[in-house]
Amino acid sequence: MEKNGKYREDVEIGQMVDIVLKSDQRSGGLTRGQVIKILTNSSQHPHGIKVMLDDGHVGRVQKIVT
């Protein structure tokens, strides 16, 4: 099964991910970075787990880069 960022167990500190920022939700633009903090406490979220990247951007994981 492909890991798409909707389940907290799939997201780890240090992973490269593509996130959608709040300001990019309409356009669907993605921002790539390394996870330094997982902000969602629940085990899953339909729009993606919320994380903070190493550059300080906060958004929901759309794709885990392998």
Protein backbone atom coordinates (compact mmCIF):
# COMPACT_ATOMS: atom_id res chain seq x y z
CA MET A 1 0.00 0.00 0.00
CA GLU A 2 1.35 3.42 -0.94
CA LYS A 3 1.94 5.82 1.93
CA ASN A 4 0.03 9.02 1.23
CA GLY A 5 0.33 10.96 4.48
CA LYS A 6 -3.19 10.40 5.79
CA TYR A 7 -2.01 8.06 8.57
CA ARG A 8 0.24 9.29 11.39
CA GLU A 9 2.07 5.94 11.56
CA ASP A 10 3.39 6.53 8.01
CA VAL A 11 4.89 9.97 8.78
CA GLU A 12 8.27 10.10 10.53
CA ILE A 13 10.62 12.85 11.68
CA GLY A 14 13.34 13.37 9.06
CA GLN A 15 11.27 12.17 6.08
CA MET A 16 11.06 14.16 2.85
CA VAL A 17 7.42 14.99 2.12
CA ASP A 18 5.27 17.18 -0.10
CA ILE A 19 2.82 19.30 1.89
CA VAL A 20 0.04 21.68 0.94
CA LEU A 21 0.16 24.98 2.79
CA LYS A 22 -3.06 26.62 3.99
CA SER A 23 -2.53 29.40 1.43
CA ASP A 24 -2.09 26.84 -1.39
CA GLN A 25 -5.16 24.70 -0.64
CA ARG A 26 -7.17 26.20 -3.51
CA SER A 27 -4.37 25.97 -6.09
CA GLY A 28 -3.07 22.63 -4.86
CA GLY A 29 0.53 23.85 -4.93
CA LEU A 30 2.93 21.62 -3.01
CA THR A 31 5.95 22.48 -0.88
CA ARG A 32 8.71 19.89 -0.38
CA GLY A 33 10.74 19.61 2.78
CA GLN A 34 11.96 17.51 5.67
CA VAL A 35 9.65 16.84 8.63
CA ILE A 36 10.93 18.19 11.95
CA LYS A 37 7.67 18.03 13.92
CA ILE A 38 4.36 16.13 13.64
CA LEU A 39 1.49 18.39 14.72
CA THR A 40 -1.54 16.10 14.29
CA ASN A 41 -2.27 14.01 17.39
CA SER A 42 -4.94 11.72 15.93
CA SER A 43 -3.93 8.50 14.15
CA GLN A 44 -5.38 9.64 10.82
CA HIS A 45 -6.78 12.71 9.06
CA PRO A 46 -8.70 12.76 5.74
CA HIS A 47 -6.77 15.80 4.45
CA GLY A 48 -3.34 14.61 5.60
CA ILE A 49 -1.28 14.70 8.77
CA LYS A 50 -0.20 18.25 9.72
CA VAL A 51 3.56 18.69 10.02
CA MET A 52 6.22 21.38 10.35
CA LEU A 53 9.10 21.31 7.88
CA ASP A 54 12.74 22.19 8.55
CA ASP A 55 12.21 25.61 6.91
CA GLY A 56 9.31 26.43 9.28
CA HIS A 57 6.44 25.85 6.82
CA VAL A 58 3.38 24.11 8.28
CA GLY A 59 0.94 22.11 6.18
CA ARG A 60 -0.73 18.77 5.56
CA VAL A 61 1.20 15.88 4.04
CA GLN A 62 0.02 15.04 0.53
CA LYS A 63 2.81 12.68 -0.46
CA ILE A 64 5.73 10.95 1.18
CA VAL A 65 8.80 11.23 -1.07
CA THR A 66 10.73 7.95 -1.29
